[in-house]
Amino acid sequence: MAVIVMGSEATRYLQPWASLPFLALTVLPGVEFAARGISRRILAWLPARESIGTLRAAGVVGAAIFLGVVCALTMPRINATVSVVDADLRCVTDWVDASGRTGAGLFWTMRAPKAYAADPRQIVQVDDQLHAGSWLANRHDAVNAQVTFFITDADSYPFSFPDASPAGTMDVISCGRYAIHDFYPVVAPLKPAER
């Protein structure tokens, strides 16, 4: 929840808030049955039935205090993490924005540069066989794309180039954990997306 408060618009952080109440409803009958036996044992050593309300209130207050302390301790760290711009990512996006050309990368490699690029259409998702892929909301960035560079990182698979390989004419621009393989003016032929 703190990540959303700090400004992330990623809906995946909200998914537990939507699914956990339904999950709780599915396990509630079993928990209630087990709790009956446990509550009898607990009630046996409690001094009076009226004190149960006091214990519940104390439990809620204690949980609220604990949650408040955890949030107070973690918010500065989350704020610092969210506020810092990654130098490697900035290097890639600055280069892509300045080139004015279209490049490609594997999903896990290109998702951050694509999200932060001035024009996200300049980076196309492909697989290692150069099949175009839809990114997020079924964008059609790969339609008629003239790919002249690849963005890779240490976890990227090697790309399989066709017979007219641009590999011999590549300039490699290092951006920390990213590398930009620029083979302009050669254009990599993208294949249609596999379904």
N, C-alpha and C. Protein backbone atom coordinates (compact mmCIF):
# COMPACT_ATOMS: atom_id res chain seq x y z
N MET A 1 0.82 -1.19 0.00
CA MET A 1 0.00 0.00 0.00
C MET A 1 0.87 1.25 0.00
N ALA A 2 2.00 1.18 0.70
CA ALA A 2 2.88 2.34 0.77
C ALA A 2 3.44 2.69 -0.60
N VAL A 3 3.69 1.69 -1.44
CA VAL A 3 4.22 1.95 -2.79
C VAL A 3 3.20 2.74 -3.59
N ILE A 4 1.93 2.44 -3.44
CA ILE A 4 0.88 3.17 -4.16
C ILE A 4 0.79 4.60 -3.63
N VAL A 5 0.87 4.75 -2.33
CA VAL A 5 0.83 6.09 -1.73
C VAL A 5 1.99 6.93 -2.23
N MET A 6 3.15 6.31 -2.47
CA MET A 6 4.32 7.03 -2.93
C MET A 6 4.25 7.39 -4.41
N GLY A 7 3.26 6.88 -5.13
CA GLY A 7 3.08 7.33 -6.50
C GLY A 7 3.15 6.26 -7.57
N SER A 8 3.25 5.00 -7.22
CA SER A 8 3.27 3.97 -8.25
C SER A 8 1.86 3.74 -8.74
N GLU A 9 1.70 3.71 -10.04
CA GLU A 9 0.38 3.47 -10.60
C GLU A 9 0.20 2.00 -10.99
N ALA A 10 1.10 1.15 -10.57
CA ALA A 10 1.05 -0.26 -10.93
C ALA A 10 -0.11 -0.95 -10.21
N THR A 11 -1.05 -1.42 -10.97
CA THR A 11 -2.24 -2.05 -10.37
C THR A 11 -1.93 -3.38 -9.73
N ARG A 12 -0.79 -3.99 -10.06
CA ARG A 12 -0.48 -5.29 -9.48
C ARG A 12 -0.32 -5.20 -7.97
N TYR A 13 0.02 -4.01 -7.46
CA TYR A 13 0.14 -3.86 -6.02
C TYR A 13 -1.22 -3.87 -5.32
N LEU A 14 -2.27 -3.62 -6.07
CA LEU A 14 -3.62 -3.62 -5.49
C LEU A 14 -4.26 -5.00 -5.52
N GLN A 15 -3.70 -5.93 -6.25
CA GLN A 15 -4.32 -7.25 -6.40
C GLN A 15 -4.57 -7.96 -5.07
N PRO A 16 -3.65 -7.94 -4.12
CA PRO A 16 -3.96 -8.61 -2.85
C PRO A 16 -5.16 -7.99 -2.13
N TRP A 17 -5.32 -6.68 -2.24
CA TRP A 17 -6.45 -6.02 -1.58
C TRP A 17 -7.77 -6.49 -2.18
N ALA A 18 -7.76 -6.88 -3.45
CA ALA A 18 -8.99 -7.34 -4.09
C ALA A 18 -9.22 -8.83 -3.86
N SER A 19 -8.17 -9.62 -3.78
CA SER A 19 -8.35 -11.07 -3.70
C SER A 19 -8.37 -11.62 -2.28
N LEU A 20 -7.70 -10.98 -1.34
CA LEU A 20 -7.63 -11.53 0.01
C LEU A 20 -8.97 -11.63 0.73
N PRO A 21 -9.88 -10.66 0.58
CA PRO A 21 -11.19 -10.85 1.24
C PRO A 21 -11.92 -12.09 0.74
N PHE A 22 -11.86 -12.36 -0.55
CA PHE A 22 -12.52 -13.55 -1.09
C PHE A 22 -11.82 -14.82 -0.62
N LEU A 23 -10.50 -14.79 -0.55
CA LEU A 23 -9.75 -15.92 -0.04
C LEU A 23 -10.12 -16.19 1.42
N ALA A 24 -10.26 -15.13 2.19
CA ALA A 24 -10.66 -15.28 3.60
C ALA A 24 -12.04 -15.93 3.71
N LEU A 25 -12.93 -15.57 2.82
CA LEU A 25 -14.27 -16.17 2.85
C LEU A 25 -14.24 -17.66 2.53
N THR A 26 -13.31 -18.09 1.70
CA THR A 26 -13.25 -19.51 1.35
C THR A 26 -12.71 -20.36 2.49
N VAL A 27 -11.84 -19.80 3.32
CA VAL A 27 -11.27 -20.59 4.41
C VAL A 27 -11.95 -20.32 5.75
N LEU A 28 -12.87 -19.36 5.76
CA LEU A 28 -13.52 -18.98 7.01
C LEU A 28 -14.27 -20.13 7.70
N PRO A 29 -15.04 -20.95 6.99
CA PRO A 29 -15.74 -22.04 7.70
C PRO A 29 -14.79 -22.96 8.45
N GLY A 30 -13.68 -23.34 7.86
CA GLY A 30 -12.71 -24.21 8.52
C GLY A 30 -12.05 -23.53 9.70
N VAL A 31 -11.74 -22.26 9.55
CA VAL A 31 -11.11 -21.51 10.63
C VAL A 31 -12.09 -21.36 11.79
N GLU A 32 -13.36 -21.07 11.45
CA GLU A 32 -14.36 -20.89 12.51
C GLU A 32 -14.55 -22.18 13.30
N PHE A 33 -14.57 -23.32 12.59
CA PHE A 33 -14.73 -24.61 13.28
C PHE A 33 -13.56 -24.87 14.21
N ALA A 34 -12.34 -24.61 13.73
CA ALA A 34 -11.16 -24.82 14.56
C ALA A 34 -11.12 -23.80 15.70
N ALA A 35 -11.57 -22.59 15.44
CA ALA A 35 -11.53 -21.54 16.45
C ALA A 35 -12.48 -21.83 17.60
N ARG A 36 -13.57 -22.54 17.33
CA ARG A 36 -14.51 -22.85 18.41
C ARG A 36 -13.84 -23.66 19.51
N GLY A 37 -13.09 -24.69 19.10
CA GLY A 37 -12.39 -25.50 20.10
C GLY A 37 -11.32 -24.71 20.83
N ILE A 38 -10.59 -23.88 20.10
CA ILE A 38 -9.54 -23.07 20.71
C ILE A 38 -10.16 -22.03 21.63
N SER A 39 -11.25 -21.40 21.17
CA SER A 39 -11.86 -20.35 21.99
C SER A 39 -12.42 -20.91 23.29
N ARG A 40 -12.91 -22.15 23.29
CA ARG A 40 -13.38 -22.76 24.54
C ARG A 40 -12.24 -22.88 25.53
N ARG A 41 -11.09 -23.29 25.05
CA ARG A 41 -9.93 -23.43 25.93
C ARG A 41 -9.48 -22.07 26.46
N ILE A 42 -9.49 -21.06 25.57
CA ILE A 42 -9.08 -19.72 25.99
C ILE A 42 -10.07 -19.16 26.99
N LEU A 43 -11.38 -19.35 26.70
CA LEU A 43 -12.40 -18.82 27.59
C LEU A 43 -12.36 -19.47 28.97
N ALA A 44 -11.87 -20.69 29.03
CA ALA A 44 -11.82 -21.38 30.32
C ALA A 44 -10.88 -20.69 31.29
N TRP A 45 -9.79 -20.10 30.80
CA TRP A 45 -8.87 -19.45 31.73
C TRP A 45 -9.06 -17.95 31.84
N LEU A 46 -9.99 -17.37 31.04
CA LEU A 46 -10.27 -15.94 31.17
C LEU A 46 -11.09 -15.68 32.43
N PRO A 47 -10.86 -14.57 33.11
CA PRO A 47 -11.57 -14.31 34.36
C PRO A 47 -13.07 -14.09 34.17
N ALA A 48 -13.48 -13.35 33.16
CA ALA A 48 -14.90 -13.09 32.98
C ALA A 48 -15.18 -12.85 31.50
N ARG A 49 -16.39 -13.13 31.10
CA ARG A 49 -16.77 -12.98 29.69
C ARG A 49 -16.73 -11.51 29.26
N GLU A 50 -16.97 -10.58 30.17
CA GLU A 50 -16.97 -9.16 29.84
C GLU A 50 -15.58 -8.66 29.43
N SER A 51 -14.54 -9.32 29.88
CA SER A 51 -13.18 -8.87 29.57
C SER A 51 -12.75 -9.22 28.14
N ILE A 52 -13.53 -10.05 27.46
CA ILE A 52 -13.18 -10.41 26.07
C ILE A 52 -13.22 -9.17 25.19
N GLY A 53 -14.20 -8.31 25.37
CA GLY A 53 -14.27 -7.08 24.59
C GLY A 53 -13.06 -6.20 24.81
N THR A 54 -12.60 -6.15 26.04
CA THR A 54 -11.41 -5.37 26.37
C THR A 54 -10.18 -5.96 25.70
N LEU A 55 -10.08 -7.29 25.69
CA LEU A 55 -8.94 -7.95 25.03
C LEU A 55 -8.96 -7.71 23.52
N ARG A 56 -10.14 -7.77 22.94
CA ARG A 56 -10.25 -7.52 21.50
C ARG A 56 -9.84 -6.08 21.18
N ALA A 57 -10.32 -5.14 21.97
CA ALA A 57 -9.96 -3.74 21.75
C ALA A 57 -8.47 -3.54 21.90
N ALA A 58 -7.88 -4.17 22.91
CA ALA A 58 -6.42 -4.06 23.10
C ALA A 58 -5.68 -4.68 21.93
N GLY A 59 -6.18 -5.78 21.41
CA GLY A 59 -5.55 -6.40 20.24
C GLY A 59 -5.60 -5.51 19.02
N VAL A 60 -6.74 -4.87 18.78
CA VAL A 60 -6.88 -3.97 17.64
C VAL A 60 -5.96 -2.76 17.79
N VAL A 61 -5.92 -2.19 18.99
CA VAL A 61 -5.04 -1.05 19.23
C VAL A 61 -3.58 -1.45 19.07
N GLY A 62 -3.22 -2.61 19.61
CA GLY A 62 -1.85 -3.10 19.46
C GLY A 62 -1.46 -3.32 18.00
N ALA A 63 -2.38 -3.90 17.22
CA ALA A 63 -2.11 -4.12 15.80
C ALA A 63 -1.97 -2.79 15.07
N ALA A 64 -2.81 -1.82 15.40
CA ALA A 64 -2.73 -0.50 14.76
C ALA A 64 -1.41 0.19 15.10
N ILE A 65 -0.98 0.09 16.34
CA ILE A 65 0.30 0.69 16.74
C ILE A 65 1.46 0.01 16.01
N PHE A 66 1.41 -1.32 15.94
CA PHE A 66 2.47 -2.06 15.24
C PHE A 66 2.52 -1.65 13.77
N LEU A 67 1.36 -1.58 13.11
CA LEU A 67 1.31 -1.18 11.71
C LEU A 67 1.83 0.24 11.52
N GLY A 68 1.47 1.13 12.45
CA GLY A 68 1.95 2.51 12.37
C GLY A 68 3.46 2.60 12.49
N VAL A 69 4.03 1.83 13.41
CA VAL A 69 5.49 1.83 13.59
C VAL A 69 6.18 1.27 12.35
N VAL A 70 5.66 0.18 11.79
CA VAL A 70 6.25 -0.41 10.59
C VAL A 70 6.21 0.59 9.44
N CYS A 71 5.06 1.24 9.24
CA CYS A 71 4.96 2.24 8.17
C CYS A 71 5.92 3.41 8.40
N ALA A 72 6.01 3.88 9.64
CA ALA A 72 6.90 5.00 9.94
C ALA A 72 8.35 4.64 9.68
N LEU A 73 8.73 3.39 9.94
CA LEU A 73 10.11 2.98 9.73
C LEU A 73 10.43 2.71 8.26
N THR A 74 9.45 2.26 7.50
CA THR A 74 9.72 1.90 6.10
C THR A 74 9.47 3.03 5.11
N MET A 75 8.65 4.01 5.44
CA MET A 75 8.34 5.08 4.49
C MET A 75 9.56 5.86 4.01
N PRO A 76 10.50 6.24 4.87
CA PRO A 76 11.67 6.95 4.35
C PRO A 76 12.46 6.12 3.34
N ARG A 77 12.60 4.84 3.60
CA ARG A 77 13.33 3.97 2.67
C ARG A 77 12.59 3.84 1.34
N ILE A 78 11.28 3.66 1.41
CA ILE A 78 10.49 3.55 0.18
C ILE A 78 10.55 4.86 -0.59
N ASN A 79 10.43 5.98 0.09
CA ASN A 79 10.50 7.28 -0.55
C ASN A 79 11.84 7.49 -1.24
N ALA A 80 12.93 7.12 -0.56
CA ALA A 80 14.26 7.26 -1.15
C ALA A 80 14.42 6.37 -2.38
N THR A 81 13.90 5.16 -2.31
CA THR A 81 14.01 4.23 -3.43
C THR A 81 13.21 4.71 -4.63
N VAL A 82 12.02 5.19 -4.40
CA VAL A 82 11.15 5.63 -5.49
C VAL A 82 11.67 6.93 -6.11
N SER A 83 12.30 7.78 -5.31
CA SER A 83 12.74 9.09 -5.78
C SER A 83 14.02 9.05 -6.60
N VAL A 84 14.84 8.03 -6.44
CA VAL A 84 16.13 7.97 -7.12
C VAL A 84 15.93 7.47 -8.56
N VAL A 85 16.52 8.18 -9.49
CA VAL A 85 16.47 7.76 -10.89
C VAL A 85 17.70 6.89 -11.16
N ASP A 86 17.47 5.71 -11.70
CA ASP A 86 18.53 4.77 -11.99
C ASP A 86 19.42 5.32 -13.11
N ALA A 87 20.71 5.44 -12.85
CA ALA A 87 21.64 6.01 -13.84
C ALA A 87 21.73 5.14 -15.10
N ASP A 88 21.72 3.81 -14.95
CA ASP A 88 21.79 2.93 -16.11
C ASP A 88 20.55 3.10 -16.99
N LEU A 89 19.40 3.17 -16.35
CA LEU A 89 18.15 3.35 -17.08
C LEU A 89 18.12 4.70 -17.78
N ARG A 90 18.59 5.73 -17.09
CA ARG A 90 18.62 7.06 -17.69
C ARG A 90 19.56 7.09 -18.90
N CYS A 91 20.68 6.39 -18.82
CA CYS A 91 21.61 6.31 -19.94
C CYS A 91 20.91 5.72 -21.18
N VAL A 92 20.17 4.62 -20.96
CA VAL A 92 19.47 3.97 -22.08
C VAL A 92 18.39 4.88 -22.65
N THR A 93 17.55 5.43 -21.79
CA THR A 93 16.45 6.26 -22.30
C THR A 93 16.96 7.53 -22.97
N ASP A 94 18.02 8.13 -22.44
CA ASP A 94 18.60 9.31 -23.10
C ASP A 94 19.12 8.96 -24.49
N TRP A 95 19.80 7.80 -24.61
CA TRP A 95 20.33 7.39 -25.90
C TRP A 95 19.20 7.09 -26.88
N VAL A 96 18.19 6.36 -26.42
CA VAL A 96 17.05 6.02 -27.30
C VAL A 96 16.34 7.30 -27.74
N ASP A 97 16.08 8.20 -26.79
CA ASP A 97 15.39 9.45 -27.14
C ASP A 97 16.20 10.27 -28.13
N ALA A 98 17.52 10.32 -27.95
CA ALA A 98 18.38 11.11 -28.84
C ALA A 98 18.51 10.47 -30.22
N SER A 99 18.44 9.14 -30.29
CA SER A 99 18.62 8.47 -31.58
C SER A 99 17.46 8.73 -32.52
N GLY A 100 16.26 8.82 -31.99
CA GLY A 100 15.08 9.00 -32.84
C GLY A 100 14.74 7.76 -33.64
N ARG A 101 15.39 6.64 -33.33
CA ARG A 101 15.15 5.39 -34.07
C ARG A 101 14.43 4.39 -33.19
N THR A 102 14.09 3.25 -33.79
CA THR A 102 13.38 2.19 -33.09
C THR A 102 14.33 1.04 -32.80
N GLY A 103 14.24 0.52 -31.57
CA GLY A 103 15.03 -0.62 -31.18
C GLY A 103 14.15 -1.70 -30.60
N ALA A 104 14.77 -2.78 -30.13
CA ALA A 104 14.01 -3.91 -29.60
C ALA A 104 14.77 -4.53 -28.44
N GLY A 105 14.03 -5.34 -27.69
CA GLY A 105 14.63 -6.06 -26.58
C GLY A 105 13.68 -7.11 -26.06
N LEU A 106 14.22 -8.03 -25.27
CA LEU A 106 13.39 -9.03 -24.63
C LEU A 106 12.55 -8.36 -23.55
N PHE A 107 11.43 -8.99 -23.19
CA PHE A 107 10.49 -8.35 -22.27
C PHE A 107 11.13 -7.87 -20.99
N TRP A 108 11.85 -8.74 -20.29
CA TRP A 108 12.40 -8.35 -18.99
C TRP A 108 13.48 -7.30 -19.11
N THR A 109 14.09 -7.19 -20.28
CA THR A 109 15.14 -6.19 -20.49
C THR A 109 14.55 -4.85 -20.89
N MET A 110 13.57 -4.86 -21.77
CA MET A 110 13.08 -3.61 -22.35
C MET A 110 11.94 -2.96 -21.60
N ARG A 111 11.38 -3.63 -20.60
CA ARG A 111 10.18 -3.08 -19.97
C ARG A 111 10.46 -1.77 -19.22
N ALA A 112 11.57 -1.66 -18.52
CA ALA A 112 11.87 -0.39 -17.82
C ALA A 112 12.25 0.71 -18.81
N PRO A 113 13.17 0.47 -19.76
CA PRO A 113 13.46 1.55 -20.73
C PRO A 113 12.22 1.98 -21.52
N LYS A 114 11.37 1.04 -21.87
CA LYS A 114 10.16 1.39 -22.62
C LYS A 114 9.23 2.23 -21.77
N ALA A 115 9.14 1.91 -20.50
CA ALA A 115 8.25 2.66 -19.62
C ALA A 115 8.74 4.10 -19.40
N TYR A 116 10.06 4.31 -19.44
CA TYR A 116 10.61 5.63 -19.17
C TYR A 116 11.03 6.40 -20.41
N ALA A 117 10.95 5.79 -21.57
CA ALA A 117 11.32 6.48 -22.81
C ALA A 117 10.30 7.59 -23.11
N ALA A 118 10.77 8.66 -23.75
CA ALA A 118 9.87 9.75 -24.11
C ALA A 118 8.78 9.25 -25.05
N ASP A 119 9.15 8.38 -25.99
CA ASP A 119 8.18 7.77 -26.91
C ASP A 119 8.31 6.25 -26.78
N PRO A 120 7.42 5.61 -26.03
CA PRO A 120 7.54 4.16 -25.81
C PRO A 120 7.50 3.33 -27.09
N ARG A 121 7.00 3.90 -28.17
CA ARG A 121 6.96 3.15 -29.44
C ARG A 121 8.35 2.94 -30.02
N GLN A 122 9.36 3.61 -29.47
CA GLN A 122 10.72 3.46 -29.98
C GLN A 122 11.37 2.16 -29.52
N ILE A 123 10.75 1.44 -28.60
CA ILE A 123 11.30 0.17 -28.13
C ILE A 123 10.23 -0.90 -28.29
N VAL A 124 10.58 -1.94 -29.04
CA VAL A 124 9.64 -3.00 -29.38
C VAL A 124 10.03 -4.27 -28.64
N GLN A 125 9.04 -4.97 -28.13
CA GLN A 125 9.30 -6.26 -27.47
C GLN A 125 9.44 -7.35 -28.53
N VAL A 126 10.52 -8.12 -28.40
CA VAL A 126 10.74 -9.27 -29.29
C VAL A 126 11.21 -10.45 -28.44
N ASP A 127 11.19 -11.62 -29.06
CA ASP A 127 11.82 -12.77 -28.40
C ASP A 127 13.19 -12.97 -29.04
N ASP A 128 13.91 -14.00 -28.64
CA ASP A 128 15.27 -14.20 -29.15
C ASP A 128 15.31 -14.59 -30.62
N GLN A 129 14.15 -14.98 -31.19
CA GLN A 129 14.08 -15.31 -32.61
C GLN A 129 13.57 -14.12 -33.44
N LEU A 130 13.46 -12.96 -32.81
CA LEU A 130 13.01 -11.71 -33.43
C LEU A 130 11.53 -11.72 -33.81
N HIS A 131 10.73 -12.51 -33.08
CA HIS A 131 9.28 -12.43 -33.23
C HIS A 131 8.79 -11.26 -32.40
N ALA A 132 8.00 -10.39 -33.01
CA ALA A 132 7.46 -9.24 -32.29
C ALA A 132 6.46 -9.72 -31.24
N GLY A 133 6.33 -8.95 -30.18
CA GLY A 133 5.38 -9.30 -29.13
C GLY A 133 4.58 -8.09 -28.71
N SER A 134 3.36 -8.32 -28.27
CA SER A 134 2.54 -7.23 -27.77
C SER A 134 2.96 -6.92 -26.35
N TRP A 135 3.05 -5.66 -26.03
CA TRP A 135 3.48 -5.25 -24.70
C TRP A 135 2.36 -4.52 -24.02
N LEU A 136 2.05 -4.93 -22.81
CA LEU A 136 0.99 -4.34 -22.01
C LEU A 136 -0.35 -4.41 -22.73
N ALA A 137 -0.93 -3.29 -23.07
CA ALA A 137 -2.31 -3.25 -23.57
C ALA A 137 -2.37 -3.57 -25.07
N ASN A 138 -1.73 -4.67 -25.48
CA ASN A 138 -1.73 -5.11 -26.87
C ASN A 138 -1.35 -4.00 -27.84
N ARG A 139 -0.29 -3.29 -27.48
CA ARG A 139 0.19 -2.22 -28.35
C ARG A 139 0.72 -2.83 -29.63
N HIS A 140 0.63 -2.09 -30.68
CA HIS A 140 1.08 -2.56 -31.99
C HIS A 140 2.34 -1.82 -32.43
N ASP A 141 3.28 -1.70 -31.51
CA ASP A 141 4.52 -0.97 -31.79
C ASP A 141 5.35 -1.63 -32.88
N ALA A 142 5.23 -2.94 -33.03
CA ALA A 142 6.09 -3.65 -33.97
C ALA A 142 5.60 -3.55 -35.42
N VAL A 143 4.40 -3.07 -35.62
CA VAL A 143 3.88 -2.97 -36.98
C VAL A 143 4.72 -1.95 -37.75
N ASN A 144 5.33 -2.40 -38.81
CA ASN A 144 6.19 -1.58 -39.67
C ASN A 144 7.38 -0.97 -38.92
N ALA A 145 7.81 -1.57 -37.84
CA ALA A 145 8.95 -1.04 -37.09
C ALA A 145 10.25 -1.32 -37.84
N GLN A 146 11.12 -0.33 -37.88
CA GLN A 146 12.44 -0.45 -38.50
C GLN A 146 13.47 -0.53 -37.37
N VAL A 147 13.72 -1.72 -36.87
CA VAL A 147 14.59 -1.92 -35.70
C VAL A 147 16.05 -1.83 -36.12
N THR A 148 16.77 -0.90 -35.48
CA THR A 148 18.19 -0.71 -35.81
C THR A 148 19.10 -0.87 -34.59
N PHE A 149 18.55 -1.24 -33.44
CA PHE A 149 19.38 -1.54 -32.27
C PHE A 149 18.64 -2.47 -31.33
N PHE A 150 19.42 -3.18 -30.52
CA PHE A 150 18.86 -4.05 -29.49
C PHE A 150 19.36 -3.58 -28.14
N ILE A 151 18.49 -3.71 -27.16
CA ILE A 151 18.86 -3.44 -25.77
C ILE A 151 18.97 -4.78 -25.07
N THR A 152 20.11 -5.03 -24.45
CA THR A 152 20.33 -6.30 -23.75
C THR A 152 20.82 -6.02 -22.33
N ASP A 153 20.78 -7.07 -21.53
CA ASP A 153 21.39 -7.03 -20.21
C ASP A 153 22.05 -8.38 -19.97
N ALA A 154 22.55 -8.61 -18.78
CA ALA A 154 23.27 -9.85 -18.50
C ALA A 154 22.38 -11.08 -18.60
N ASP A 155 21.07 -10.92 -18.42
CA ASP A 155 20.15 -12.06 -18.47
C ASP A 155 19.51 -12.28 -19.84
N SER A 156 19.86 -11.46 -20.82
CA SER A 156 19.25 -11.59 -22.15
C SER A 156 19.79 -12.80 -22.89
N TYR A 157 18.90 -13.46 -23.61
CA TYR A 157 19.32 -14.54 -24.49
C TYR A 157 20.00 -13.93 -25.70
N PRO A 158 20.93 -14.65 -26.31
CA PRO A 158 21.52 -14.12 -27.55
C PRO A 158 20.46 -14.13 -28.65
N PHE A 159 20.45 -13.07 -29.44
CA PHE A 159 19.48 -12.98 -30.54
C PHE A 159 19.93 -13.84 -31.70
N SER A 160 18.97 -14.45 -32.40
CA SER A 160 19.25 -15.22 -33.62
C SER A 160 18.99 -14.32 -34.80
N PHE A 161 20.07 -13.91 -35.45
CA PHE A 161 19.93 -13.04 -36.60
C PHE A 161 19.71 -13.87 -37.86
N PRO A 162 18.99 -13.32 -38.83
CA PRO A 162 18.83 -14.02 -40.11
C PRO A 162 20.16 -14.04 -40.86
N ASP A 163 20.13 -14.53 -42.08
CA ASP A 163 21.36 -14.67 -42.87
C ASP A 163 22.12 -13.35 -43.01
N ALA A 164 21.40 -12.27 -43.26
CA ALA A 164 22.04 -10.96 -43.38
C ALA A 164 22.23 -10.40 -41.98
N SER A 165 23.19 -10.93 -41.27
CA SER A 165 23.38 -10.58 -39.86
C SER A 165 23.99 -9.20 -39.70
N PRO A 166 23.37 -8.37 -38.85
CA PRO A 166 23.97 -7.07 -38.57
C PRO A 166 25.08 -7.16 -37.52
N ALA A 167 25.36 -8.37 -37.03
CA ALA A 167 26.29 -8.52 -35.92
C ALA A 167 27.68 -7.98 -36.25
N GLY A 168 28.11 -8.06 -37.49
CA GLY A 168 29.44 -7.58 -37.86
C GLY A 168 29.56 -6.07 -37.87
N THR A 169 28.44 -5.38 -37.97
CA THR A 169 28.49 -3.92 -38.07
C THR A 169 28.01 -3.23 -36.80
N MET A 170 27.97 -3.94 -35.69
CA MET A 170 27.40 -3.39 -34.46
C MET A 170 28.38 -2.53 -33.68
N ASP A 171 27.86 -1.43 -33.16
CA ASP A 171 28.54 -0.65 -32.14
C ASP A 171 27.84 -0.99 -30.83
N VAL A 172 28.60 -1.22 -29.78
CA VAL A 172 28.01 -1.54 -28.48
C VAL A 172 28.21 -0.35 -27.55
N ILE A 173 27.08 0.18 -27.09
CA ILE A 173 27.09 1.30 -26.16
C ILE A 173 26.78 0.73 -24.77
N SER A 174 27.72 0.91 -23.85
CA SER A 174 27.54 0.37 -22.50
C SER A 174 26.81 1.38 -21.63
N CYS A 175 25.75 0.91 -20.99
CA CYS A 175 24.99 1.74 -20.05
C CYS A 175 24.85 0.98 -18.74
N GLY A 176 25.96 0.72 -18.07
CA GLY A 176 25.92 -0.01 -16.82
C GLY A 176 25.47 -1.44 -17.03
N ARG A 177 24.33 -1.81 -16.45
CA ARG A 177 23.84 -3.18 -16.59
C ARG A 177 23.18 -3.44 -17.94
N TYR A 178 22.95 -2.38 -18.72
CA TYR A 178 22.38 -2.51 -20.06
C TYR A 178 23.48 -2.34 -21.10
N ALA A 179 23.24 -2.91 -22.27
CA ALA A 179 24.09 -2.67 -23.43
C ALA A 179 23.17 -2.41 -24.62
N ILE A 180 23.53 -1.41 -25.41
CA ILE A 180 22.77 -1.10 -26.63
C ILE A 180 23.62 -1.55 -27.80
N HIS A 181 23.10 -2.46 -28.59
CA HIS A 181 23.79 -2.98 -29.77
C HIS A 181 23.22 -2.26 -30.98
N ASP A 182 23.97 -1.28 -31.46
CA ASP A 182 23.50 -0.41 -32.55
C ASP A 182 24.09 -0.88 -33.86
N PHE A 183 23.23 -1.24 -34.80
CA PHE A 183 23.70 -1.69 -36.11
C PHE A 183 23.14 -0.83 -37.23
N TYR A 184 22.80 0.41 -36.93
CA TYR A 184 22.33 1.35 -37.94
C TYR A 184 23.40 1.53 -39.00
N PRO A 185 23.11 1.53 -40.26
CA PRO A 185 21.84 1.66 -40.97
C PRO A 185 21.15 0.33 -41.30
N VAL A 186 21.73 -0.79 -40.86
CA VAL A 186 21.10 -2.09 -41.13
C VAL A 186 19.82 -2.18 -40.30
N VAL A 187 18.78 -2.75 -40.90
CA VAL A 187 17.47 -2.91 -40.23
C VAL A 187 17.25 -4.39 -40.00
N ALA A 188 16.94 -4.76 -38.76
CA ALA A 188 16.66 -6.16 -38.42
C ALA A 188 15.23 -6.49 -38.83
N PRO A 189 15.06 -7.54 -39.62
CA PRO A 189 13.70 -7.91 -40.03
C PRO A 189 12.96 -8.61 -38.89
N LEU A 190 11.90 -8.00 -38.39
CA LEU A 190 11.10 -8.60 -37.34
C LEU A 190 10.11 -9.58 -37.95
N LYS A 191 9.88 -10.67 -37.24
CA LYS A 191 8.89 -11.65 -37.65
C LYS A 191 7.58 -11.35 -36.93
N PRO A 192 6.47 -11.79 -37.49
CA PRO A 192 5.19 -11.54 -36.80
C PRO A 192 5.14 -12.26 -35.47
N ALA A 193 4.33 -11.76 -34.59
CA ALA A 193 4.18 -12.36 -33.26
C ALA A 193 3.65 -13.78 -33.37
N GLU A 194 4.20 -14.66 -32.53
CA GLU A 194 3.70 -16.04 -32.49
C GLU A 194 2.50 -16.08 -31.57
N ARG A 195 1.48 -16.75 -31.97
CA ARG A 195 0.25 -16.84 -31.16
C ARG A 195 0.21 -18.16 -30.46
